[in-house]
N, C-alpha and C. Protein backbone atom coordinates (compact mmCIF):
# COMPACT_ATOMS: atom_id res chain seq x y z
N MET A 1 83.73 53.30 120.78
CA MET A 1 83.70 54.54 120.03
C MET A 1 84.77 55.48 120.56
N ASP A 2 85.58 56.05 119.66
CA ASP A 2 86.64 56.96 120.06
C ASP A 2 86.07 58.28 120.55
N LYS A 3 86.76 58.84 121.55
CA LYS A 3 86.31 60.15 122.04
C LYS A 3 86.78 61.22 121.06
N PRO A 4 86.03 62.31 120.93
CA PRO A 4 86.43 63.39 120.01
C PRO A 4 87.74 64.02 120.45
N THR A 5 88.50 64.51 119.50
CA THR A 5 89.76 65.18 119.78
C THR A 5 89.49 66.52 120.45
N CYS A 6 90.23 66.78 121.52
CA CYS A 6 90.12 68.06 122.23
C CYS A 6 91.36 68.89 121.94
N PHE A 7 91.15 70.19 121.82
CA PHE A 7 92.22 71.11 121.45
C PHE A 7 92.42 72.20 122.50
N ALA A 8 93.63 72.73 122.51
CA ALA A 8 93.93 73.99 123.18
C ALA A 8 94.47 74.91 122.09
N ILE A 9 94.23 76.19 122.24
CA ILE A 9 94.77 77.17 121.30
C ILE A 9 95.61 78.15 122.10
N VAL A 10 96.86 78.32 121.69
CA VAL A 10 97.75 79.27 122.34
C VAL A 10 98.00 80.40 121.35
N GLY A 11 97.51 81.58 121.71
CA GLY A 11 97.56 82.74 120.84
C GLY A 11 96.17 83.00 120.30
N CYS A 12 95.50 83.99 120.86
CA CYS A 12 94.10 84.27 120.50
C CYS A 12 93.96 85.51 119.63
N GLY A 13 94.96 85.76 118.81
CA GLY A 13 94.88 86.85 117.85
C GLY A 13 94.10 86.40 116.62
N LEU A 14 94.33 87.08 115.52
CA LEU A 14 93.60 86.82 114.29
C LEU A 14 93.63 85.35 113.87
N ILE A 15 94.80 84.75 113.83
CA ILE A 15 94.93 83.37 113.34
C ILE A 15 94.37 82.38 114.36
N GLY A 16 94.62 82.61 115.64
CA GLY A 16 94.06 81.75 116.67
C GLY A 16 92.54 81.74 116.62
N ARG A 17 91.95 82.93 116.41
CA ARG A 17 90.48 83.01 116.31
C ARG A 17 89.98 82.29 115.07
N LYS A 18 90.72 82.41 113.95
CA LYS A 18 90.31 81.70 112.73
C LYS A 18 90.37 80.19 112.93
N ARG A 19 91.39 79.72 113.60
CA ARG A 19 91.50 78.28 113.87
C ARG A 19 90.34 77.82 114.76
N LEU A 20 90.01 78.63 115.77
CA LEU A 20 88.89 78.31 116.65
C LEU A 20 87.60 78.16 115.85
N GLU A 21 87.36 79.08 114.93
CA GLU A 21 86.14 79.05 114.12
C GLU A 21 86.07 77.79 113.25
N GLY A 22 87.21 77.23 112.91
CA GLY A 22 87.24 76.05 112.05
C GLY A 22 87.12 74.72 112.78
N LEU A 23 87.10 74.76 114.11
CA LEU A 23 87.03 73.53 114.90
C LEU A 23 85.59 73.20 115.29
N PRO A 24 85.31 71.93 115.54
CA PRO A 24 83.96 71.56 115.98
C PRO A 24 83.59 72.25 117.30
N GLN A 25 82.34 72.61 117.43
CA GLN A 25 81.84 73.24 118.66
C GLN A 25 82.16 72.35 119.85
N ASN A 26 82.58 72.96 120.94
CA ASN A 26 82.90 72.28 122.21
C ASN A 26 84.14 71.39 122.16
N SER A 27 84.96 71.51 121.12
CA SER A 27 86.17 70.69 121.04
C SER A 27 87.39 71.40 121.65
N VAL A 28 87.28 72.70 121.92
CA VAL A 28 88.40 73.45 122.48
C VAL A 28 88.23 73.51 124.00
N VAL A 29 89.20 72.93 124.72
CA VAL A 29 89.11 72.86 126.17
C VAL A 29 89.89 73.97 126.87
N ALA A 30 90.78 74.65 126.14
CA ALA A 30 91.54 75.75 126.73
C ALA A 30 92.02 76.70 125.65
N VAL A 31 92.04 77.98 126.00
CA VAL A 31 92.64 79.00 125.15
C VAL A 31 93.59 79.81 126.03
N CYS A 32 94.71 80.20 125.44
CA CYS A 32 95.74 80.88 126.20
C CYS A 32 96.28 82.05 125.39
N ASP A 33 96.42 83.18 126.04
CA ASP A 33 97.00 84.35 125.40
C ASP A 33 97.73 85.15 126.46
N LEU A 34 98.71 85.92 126.05
CA LEU A 34 99.43 86.78 127.01
C LEU A 34 98.51 87.80 127.65
N LEU A 35 97.46 88.18 126.92
CA LEU A 35 96.49 89.15 127.41
C LEU A 35 95.20 88.42 127.81
N PRO A 36 94.63 88.74 128.96
CA PRO A 36 93.42 88.04 129.40
C PRO A 36 92.21 88.27 128.48
N SER A 37 92.05 89.47 127.97
CA SER A 37 90.85 89.79 127.20
C SER A 37 90.65 88.91 125.97
N PRO A 38 91.66 88.76 125.10
CA PRO A 38 91.45 87.87 123.93
C PRO A 38 91.19 86.42 124.34
N ALA A 39 91.82 85.98 125.43
CA ALA A 39 91.58 84.60 125.88
C ALA A 39 90.14 84.45 126.35
N LEU A 40 89.64 85.42 127.10
CA LEU A 40 88.26 85.35 127.58
C LEU A 40 87.25 85.39 126.43
N GLU A 41 87.51 86.24 125.43
CA GLU A 41 86.63 86.33 124.27
C GLU A 41 86.60 85.01 123.50
N SER A 42 87.77 84.42 123.31
CA SER A 42 87.84 83.15 122.58
C SER A 42 87.17 82.03 123.36
N ALA A 43 87.36 82.00 124.68
CA ALA A 43 86.74 80.96 125.50
C ALA A 43 85.22 81.05 125.44
N ALA A 44 84.71 82.27 125.42
CA ALA A 44 83.26 82.46 125.35
C ALA A 44 82.71 81.88 124.04
N LYS A 45 83.47 82.01 122.96
CA LYS A 45 83.04 81.46 121.67
C LYS A 45 83.19 79.94 121.62
N ALA A 46 84.18 79.41 122.36
CA ALA A 46 84.45 77.98 122.33
C ALA A 46 83.42 77.16 123.08
N GLY A 47 82.83 77.73 124.11
CA GLY A 47 81.82 77.02 124.88
C GLY A 47 82.15 76.93 126.35
N PRO A 48 81.20 76.45 127.15
CA PRO A 48 81.36 76.46 128.61
C PRO A 48 82.47 75.54 129.13
N GLN A 49 82.90 74.57 128.34
CA GLN A 49 83.95 73.65 128.75
C GLN A 49 85.34 74.26 128.64
N CYS A 50 85.45 75.44 128.05
CA CYS A 50 86.75 76.03 127.71
C CYS A 50 87.29 76.91 128.82
N VAL A 51 88.53 76.68 129.18
CA VAL A 51 89.25 77.47 130.17
C VAL A 51 89.99 78.59 129.45
N ALA A 52 89.91 79.81 129.97
CA ALA A 52 90.68 80.94 129.44
C ALA A 52 91.81 81.23 130.41
N THR A 53 93.02 81.38 129.89
CA THR A 53 94.16 81.60 130.76
C THR A 53 95.26 82.39 130.06
N THR A 54 96.15 82.95 130.86
CA THR A 54 97.36 83.59 130.34
C THR A 54 98.58 82.72 130.64
N ASP A 55 98.37 81.52 131.17
CA ASP A 55 99.43 80.63 131.61
C ASP A 55 99.40 79.34 130.79
N LEU A 56 100.45 79.07 130.04
CA LEU A 56 100.51 77.88 129.20
C LEU A 56 100.35 76.61 130.01
N ASP A 57 100.99 76.52 131.17
CA ASP A 57 100.87 75.31 131.99
C ASP A 57 99.43 75.05 132.39
N GLN A 58 98.69 76.10 132.70
CA GLN A 58 97.28 75.93 133.05
C GLN A 58 96.48 75.44 131.85
N ALA A 59 96.78 75.94 130.67
CA ALA A 59 96.10 75.48 129.46
C ALA A 59 96.36 73.99 129.23
N LEU A 60 97.59 73.56 129.47
CA LEU A 60 97.93 72.15 129.28
C LEU A 60 97.27 71.26 130.33
N LEU A 61 96.99 71.82 131.51
CA LEU A 61 96.29 71.05 132.55
C LEU A 61 94.86 70.69 132.15
N ALA A 62 94.30 71.41 131.16
CA ALA A 62 92.97 71.08 130.65
C ALA A 62 93.00 69.78 129.85
N ASP A 63 94.18 69.23 129.63
CA ASP A 63 94.41 67.95 128.97
C ASP A 63 93.90 67.86 127.53
N PRO A 64 94.31 68.82 126.69
CA PRO A 64 93.96 68.70 125.27
C PRO A 64 94.74 67.55 124.63
N ASP A 65 94.20 67.01 123.55
CA ASP A 65 94.93 66.01 122.77
C ASP A 65 95.97 66.68 121.89
N ALA A 66 95.62 67.88 121.41
CA ALA A 66 96.49 68.63 120.49
C ALA A 66 96.41 70.11 120.83
N VAL A 67 97.49 70.80 120.50
CA VAL A 67 97.56 72.24 120.75
C VAL A 67 97.85 72.95 119.44
N ILE A 68 97.10 74.00 119.20
CA ILE A 68 97.35 74.86 118.05
C ILE A 68 98.13 76.06 118.56
N VAL A 69 99.33 76.25 118.04
CA VAL A 69 100.19 77.34 118.48
C VAL A 69 100.13 78.44 117.43
N ALA A 70 99.55 79.58 117.83
CA ALA A 70 99.34 80.70 116.91
C ALA A 70 99.84 82.00 117.56
N THR A 71 101.01 81.94 118.12
CA THR A 71 101.61 83.10 118.79
C THR A 71 102.34 83.98 117.78
N LEU A 72 102.95 85.02 118.26
CA LEU A 72 103.86 85.80 117.42
C LEU A 72 105.03 84.89 117.03
N ASN A 73 105.70 85.21 115.95
CA ASN A 73 106.75 84.33 115.42
C ASN A 73 107.79 83.92 116.45
N ALA A 74 108.26 84.87 117.25
CA ALA A 74 109.32 84.59 118.21
C ALA A 74 108.88 83.59 119.28
N GLY A 75 107.58 83.44 119.51
CA GLY A 75 107.09 82.51 120.52
C GLY A 75 106.68 81.16 120.00
N LEU A 76 106.60 80.99 118.70
CA LEU A 76 106.09 79.74 118.12
C LEU A 76 106.87 78.51 118.60
N ALA A 77 108.16 78.48 118.36
CA ALA A 77 108.96 77.30 118.69
C ALA A 77 109.04 77.06 120.20
N PRO A 78 109.30 78.08 121.03
CA PRO A 78 109.35 77.82 122.47
C PRO A 78 108.03 77.29 123.04
N VAL A 79 106.91 77.84 122.60
CA VAL A 79 105.61 77.36 123.08
C VAL A 79 105.38 75.93 122.58
N ALA A 80 105.66 75.69 121.32
CA ALA A 80 105.49 74.34 120.77
C ALA A 80 106.35 73.33 121.52
N ALA A 81 107.58 73.71 121.86
CA ALA A 81 108.47 72.80 122.59
C ALA A 81 107.87 72.43 123.94
N SER A 82 107.29 73.40 124.64
CA SER A 82 106.64 73.11 125.93
C SER A 82 105.47 72.15 125.75
N CYS A 83 104.69 72.36 124.70
CA CYS A 83 103.55 71.47 124.43
C CYS A 83 104.01 70.06 124.09
N ILE A 84 105.05 69.96 123.32
CA ILE A 84 105.59 68.65 122.95
C ILE A 84 106.09 67.92 124.19
N ARG A 85 106.82 68.64 125.05
CA ARG A 85 107.32 68.03 126.29
C ARG A 85 106.17 67.53 127.16
N ALA A 86 105.01 68.17 127.04
CA ALA A 86 103.83 67.74 127.79
C ALA A 86 103.11 66.59 127.11
N GLY A 87 103.66 66.12 125.99
CA GLY A 87 103.09 64.98 125.28
C GLY A 87 101.92 65.30 124.39
N LYS A 88 101.84 66.54 123.94
CA LYS A 88 100.71 66.98 123.10
C LYS A 88 101.13 67.04 121.63
N HIS A 89 100.21 66.65 120.76
CA HIS A 89 100.40 66.86 119.33
C HIS A 89 100.28 68.36 119.08
N VAL A 90 100.96 68.86 118.06
CA VAL A 90 101.01 70.31 117.84
C VAL A 90 100.80 70.66 116.38
N LEU A 91 99.89 71.61 116.15
CA LEU A 91 99.79 72.29 114.86
C LEU A 91 100.38 73.67 115.12
N ILE A 92 101.45 74.00 114.43
CA ILE A 92 102.16 75.25 114.68
C ILE A 92 102.11 76.12 113.43
N GLU A 93 101.72 77.36 113.64
CA GLU A 93 101.59 78.27 112.51
C GLU A 93 102.96 78.57 111.90
N LYS A 94 102.95 78.95 110.65
CA LYS A 94 104.19 79.33 110.00
C LYS A 94 104.66 80.68 110.54
N PRO A 95 105.91 80.91 110.62
CA PRO A 95 107.03 80.19 110.01
C PRO A 95 107.57 79.04 110.86
N VAL A 96 106.88 78.61 111.89
CA VAL A 96 107.22 77.50 112.78
C VAL A 96 108.34 77.86 113.74
N ALA A 97 109.41 78.46 113.25
CA ALA A 97 110.56 78.80 114.10
C ALA A 97 111.28 79.98 113.47
N THR A 98 112.19 80.55 114.24
CA THR A 98 112.97 81.67 113.71
C THR A 98 114.41 81.29 113.42
N SER A 99 114.74 80.01 113.57
CA SER A 99 116.09 79.54 113.25
C SER A 99 116.06 78.05 112.94
N ALA A 100 117.08 77.60 112.26
CA ALA A 100 117.20 76.17 111.97
C ALA A 100 117.40 75.38 113.25
N ALA A 101 118.09 75.95 114.22
CA ALA A 101 118.31 75.27 115.50
C ALA A 101 116.99 75.01 116.21
N GLU A 102 116.07 75.97 116.17
CA GLU A 102 114.75 75.76 116.77
C GLU A 102 114.00 74.65 116.07
N LEU A 103 114.08 74.61 114.73
CA LEU A 103 113.43 73.54 113.97
C LEU A 103 114.01 72.18 114.34
N ASP A 104 115.33 72.10 114.41
CA ASP A 104 115.99 70.85 114.79
C ASP A 104 115.54 70.39 116.17
N ASN A 105 115.43 71.33 117.10
CA ASN A 105 115.00 71.00 118.45
C ASN A 105 113.56 70.46 118.45
N LEU A 106 112.67 71.10 117.70
CA LEU A 106 111.29 70.63 117.63
C LEU A 106 111.22 69.22 117.05
N GLU A 107 112.02 68.98 116.01
CA GLU A 107 112.04 67.65 115.39
C GLU A 107 112.53 66.59 116.39
N MET A 108 113.58 66.92 117.13
CA MET A 108 114.13 66.00 118.11
C MET A 108 113.11 65.72 119.22
N LEU A 109 112.47 66.79 119.73
CA LEU A 109 111.48 66.63 120.80
C LEU A 109 110.28 65.80 120.33
N ALA A 110 109.80 66.06 119.13
CA ALA A 110 108.66 65.32 118.60
C ALA A 110 108.98 63.83 118.52
N SER A 111 110.17 63.51 118.07
CA SER A 111 110.59 62.11 117.99
C SER A 111 110.70 61.49 119.38
N LYS A 112 111.32 62.21 120.28
CA LYS A 112 111.52 61.73 121.65
C LYS A 112 110.19 61.49 122.37
N HIS A 113 109.24 62.40 122.21
CA HIS A 113 107.96 62.31 122.93
C HIS A 113 106.87 61.63 122.11
N ARG A 114 107.23 61.20 120.90
CA ARG A 114 106.31 60.45 120.03
C ARG A 114 104.99 61.17 119.79
N VAL A 115 105.12 62.43 119.39
CA VAL A 115 103.94 63.23 119.04
C VAL A 115 104.09 63.76 117.63
N LEU A 116 102.97 64.12 117.04
CA LEU A 116 102.97 64.72 115.71
C LEU A 116 103.10 66.23 115.84
N VAL A 117 103.94 66.81 115.01
CA VAL A 117 104.09 68.26 114.94
C VAL A 117 103.98 68.63 113.47
N ARG A 118 103.02 69.48 113.15
CA ARG A 118 102.78 69.85 111.76
C ARG A 118 102.64 71.35 111.62
N PRO A 119 103.17 71.91 110.52
CA PRO A 119 103.01 73.35 110.27
C PRO A 119 101.62 73.65 109.71
N GLY A 120 101.11 74.82 110.02
CA GLY A 120 99.79 75.23 109.55
C GLY A 120 99.86 75.94 108.22
N TYR A 121 100.01 75.19 107.16
CA TYR A 121 100.05 75.78 105.83
C TYR A 121 98.63 76.02 105.34
N ASN A 122 98.06 77.14 105.75
CA ASN A 122 96.66 77.41 105.48
C ASN A 122 96.34 77.60 103.99
N HIS A 123 97.30 77.97 103.18
CA HIS A 123 97.00 78.20 101.77
C HIS A 123 96.90 76.90 100.97
N ARG A 124 97.25 75.81 101.59
CA ARG A 124 97.12 74.52 100.91
C ARG A 124 95.68 74.29 100.47
N TYR A 125 94.72 74.87 101.17
CA TYR A 125 93.31 74.66 100.88
C TYR A 125 92.65 75.87 100.22
N HIS A 126 93.44 76.83 99.81
CA HIS A 126 92.91 78.04 99.17
C HIS A 126 92.31 77.66 97.81
N PRO A 127 91.11 78.16 97.51
CA PRO A 127 90.45 77.81 96.24
C PRO A 127 91.30 78.12 95.00
N ALA A 128 92.10 79.17 95.04
CA ALA A 128 92.93 79.51 93.88
C ALA A 128 93.98 78.42 93.62
N PHE A 129 94.53 77.84 94.67
CA PHE A 129 95.52 76.78 94.50
C PHE A 129 94.87 75.49 94.00
N HIS A 130 93.67 75.24 94.46
CA HIS A 130 92.94 74.07 93.95
C HIS A 130 92.62 74.24 92.47
N LYS A 131 92.23 75.43 92.07
CA LYS A 131 91.94 75.69 90.67
C LYS A 131 93.20 75.55 89.82
N ALA A 132 94.31 76.09 90.30
CA ALA A 132 95.58 75.96 89.57
C ALA A 132 95.94 74.49 89.39
N ARG A 133 95.77 73.71 90.45
CA ARG A 133 96.09 72.28 90.36
C ARG A 133 95.19 71.59 89.34
N GLU A 134 93.91 71.96 89.33
CA GLU A 134 92.96 71.40 88.37
C GLU A 134 93.42 71.70 86.94
N ILE A 135 93.85 72.94 86.71
CA ILE A 135 94.31 73.33 85.37
C ILE A 135 95.57 72.56 84.99
N PHE A 136 96.53 72.47 85.92
CA PHE A 136 97.77 71.75 85.64
C PHE A 136 97.49 70.29 85.32
N ASP A 137 96.63 69.67 86.15
CA ASP A 137 96.34 68.25 85.97
C ASP A 137 95.55 67.96 84.69
N SER A 138 94.81 68.95 84.18
CA SER A 138 94.00 68.73 82.99
C SER A 138 94.86 68.55 81.74
N GLY A 139 96.08 69.05 81.78
CA GLY A 139 96.96 68.96 80.62
C GLY A 139 96.70 70.03 79.58
N SER A 140 95.75 70.93 79.82
CA SER A 140 95.39 71.95 78.83
C SER A 140 96.53 72.93 78.56
N LEU A 141 97.50 73.00 79.45
CA LEU A 141 98.65 73.90 79.24
C LEU A 141 99.81 73.19 78.56
N GLY A 142 99.66 71.91 78.33
CA GLY A 142 100.75 71.14 77.76
C GLY A 142 101.71 70.71 78.85
N PRO A 143 102.84 70.14 78.46
CA PRO A 143 103.80 69.69 79.48
C PRO A 143 104.42 70.90 80.19
N LEU A 144 104.44 70.85 81.50
CA LEU A 144 104.99 71.96 82.27
C LEU A 144 106.48 71.76 82.49
N MET A 145 107.24 72.81 82.27
CA MET A 145 108.67 72.77 82.52
C MET A 145 108.99 73.38 83.87
N PHE A 146 108.28 74.43 84.22
CA PHE A 146 108.44 75.06 85.53
C PHE A 146 107.22 75.93 85.79
N ILE A 147 107.05 76.30 87.04
CA ILE A 147 105.95 77.18 87.43
C ILE A 147 106.53 78.29 88.28
N ARG A 148 106.12 79.49 88.00
CA ARG A 148 106.51 80.63 88.82
C ARG A 148 105.23 81.36 89.19
N ALA A 149 105.10 81.66 90.47
CA ALA A 149 103.88 82.32 90.93
C ALA A 149 104.24 83.39 91.95
N ARG A 150 103.34 84.31 92.11
CA ARG A 150 103.52 85.36 93.11
C ARG A 150 102.18 85.54 93.82
N TYR A 151 102.25 85.70 95.12
CA TYR A 151 101.05 85.88 95.92
C TYR A 151 101.24 87.11 96.79
N LYS A 152 100.28 87.99 96.76
CA LYS A 152 100.35 89.21 97.57
C LYS A 152 99.35 89.08 98.70
N HIS A 153 99.73 89.55 99.87
CA HIS A 153 98.91 89.36 101.08
C HIS A 153 97.51 89.93 100.94
N GLY A 154 97.35 91.07 100.35
CA GLY A 154 96.02 91.66 100.27
C GLY A 154 96.00 93.06 100.82
N GLY A 155 96.99 93.39 101.63
CA GLY A 155 97.21 94.75 102.04
C GLY A 155 96.15 95.43 102.88
N ARG A 156 95.68 94.76 103.94
CA ARG A 156 94.73 95.46 104.79
C ARG A 156 95.38 96.71 105.36
N THR A 157 94.60 97.70 105.66
CA THR A 157 95.08 98.98 106.16
C THR A 157 95.90 98.77 107.44
N GLY A 158 97.09 99.35 107.47
CA GLY A 158 97.95 99.28 108.65
C GLY A 158 98.73 97.99 108.79
N TYR A 159 98.69 97.12 107.79
CA TYR A 159 99.37 95.82 107.88
C TYR A 159 100.84 95.97 108.23
N TYR A 160 101.49 96.95 107.63
CA TYR A 160 102.93 97.13 107.85
C TYR A 160 103.24 97.68 109.25
N ARG A 161 102.23 98.09 109.99
CA ARG A 161 102.45 98.60 111.36
C ARG A 161 102.22 97.51 112.41
N GLU A 162 101.79 96.34 112.00
CA GLU A 162 101.49 95.27 112.95
C GLU A 162 102.77 94.65 113.48
N TRP A 163 102.66 93.66 114.33
CA TRP A 163 103.79 93.03 115.00
C TRP A 163 104.84 92.50 114.04
N ARG A 164 104.44 92.21 112.80
CA ARG A 164 105.40 91.67 111.83
C ARG A 164 106.56 92.62 111.56
N ALA A 165 106.33 93.92 111.76
CA ALA A 165 107.36 94.92 111.50
C ALA A 165 108.30 95.12 112.69
N ASP A 166 108.06 94.45 113.79
CA ASP A 166 108.89 94.56 114.98
C ASP A 166 109.75 93.30 115.06
N SER A 167 111.05 93.44 114.86
CA SER A 167 111.92 92.26 114.80
C SER A 167 111.92 91.47 116.10
N ALA A 168 111.71 92.13 117.23
CA ALA A 168 111.68 91.41 118.49
C ALA A 168 110.47 90.48 118.57
N GLN A 169 109.37 90.86 117.96
CA GLN A 169 108.17 90.04 117.99
C GLN A 169 108.10 89.06 116.83
N SER A 170 108.58 89.47 115.68
CA SER A 170 108.45 88.62 114.49
C SER A 170 109.61 87.65 114.35
N GLY A 171 110.74 87.99 114.97
CA GLY A 171 111.92 87.15 114.81
C GLY A 171 112.57 87.33 113.46
N ALA A 172 112.21 88.37 112.76
CA ALA A 172 112.71 88.58 111.40
C ALA A 172 114.15 89.03 111.35
N GLY A 173 114.65 89.60 112.43
CA GLY A 173 116.04 90.02 112.44
C GLY A 173 116.24 91.45 112.01
N GLU A 174 115.31 91.99 111.27
CA GLU A 174 115.40 93.40 110.89
C GLU A 174 114.01 93.93 110.58
N LEU A 175 113.85 95.22 110.71
CA LEU A 175 112.55 95.82 110.47
C LEU A 175 112.20 95.83 109.00
N ILE A 176 110.91 95.73 108.74
CA ILE A 176 110.43 95.86 107.37
C ILE A 176 110.71 97.29 106.91
N ASP A 177 111.13 97.44 105.68
CA ASP A 177 111.44 98.77 105.14
C ASP A 177 110.16 99.58 105.06
N GLN A 178 110.03 100.56 105.93
CA GLN A 178 108.82 101.38 105.99
C GLN A 178 108.62 102.22 104.73
N ARG A 179 109.67 102.44 103.95
CA ARG A 179 109.53 103.29 102.76
C ARG A 179 108.66 102.65 101.70
N VAL A 180 108.55 101.35 101.68
CA VAL A 180 107.76 100.70 100.63
C VAL A 180 106.33 100.42 101.08
N ALA A 181 106.04 100.69 102.34
CA ALA A 181 104.68 100.42 102.85
C ALA A 181 103.75 101.57 102.51
N PRO A 182 102.50 101.24 102.18
CA PRO A 182 101.53 102.29 101.86
C PRO A 182 101.13 103.06 103.11
N ASP A 183 100.73 104.31 102.93
CA ASP A 183 100.27 105.12 104.06
C ASP A 183 98.82 104.89 104.34
């Protein structure tokens, strides 16, 4: 009988916590965050087997089979590269990297270390996309020539003030235009 897959989560913010909630109980062996408090909170939810740390190397010493990388954008590729070098499979949140060179490096490392690296496209399982697919497949719209869609985040209060608006943290290269953000 195969042993259950064990995970580490790097980045215990909103997305890291959501990923933790979606995993089987007691499957997370380590959580890592730059700040001790979110790591400790996540470890408490994961179970007594879970190590909380601010050090990636210590998280990898817990010997997870796979690592979920849910850091700020600028840290995604560097953290994933360290995990790959340690021989771990990686689920990396979007945008995965902040440059094509980082993506190329991750692809090369994954091949070299023979591990799987996959982006976390969470909307693939969104009920609205499943419904759209059902409608398209039914043929009720007739033959499709093209599809154009728009998706809006949802606009929680203060969204434009979060780390995404800081180019150093998001890797965006420039600040979000504050003039278009709601007050």
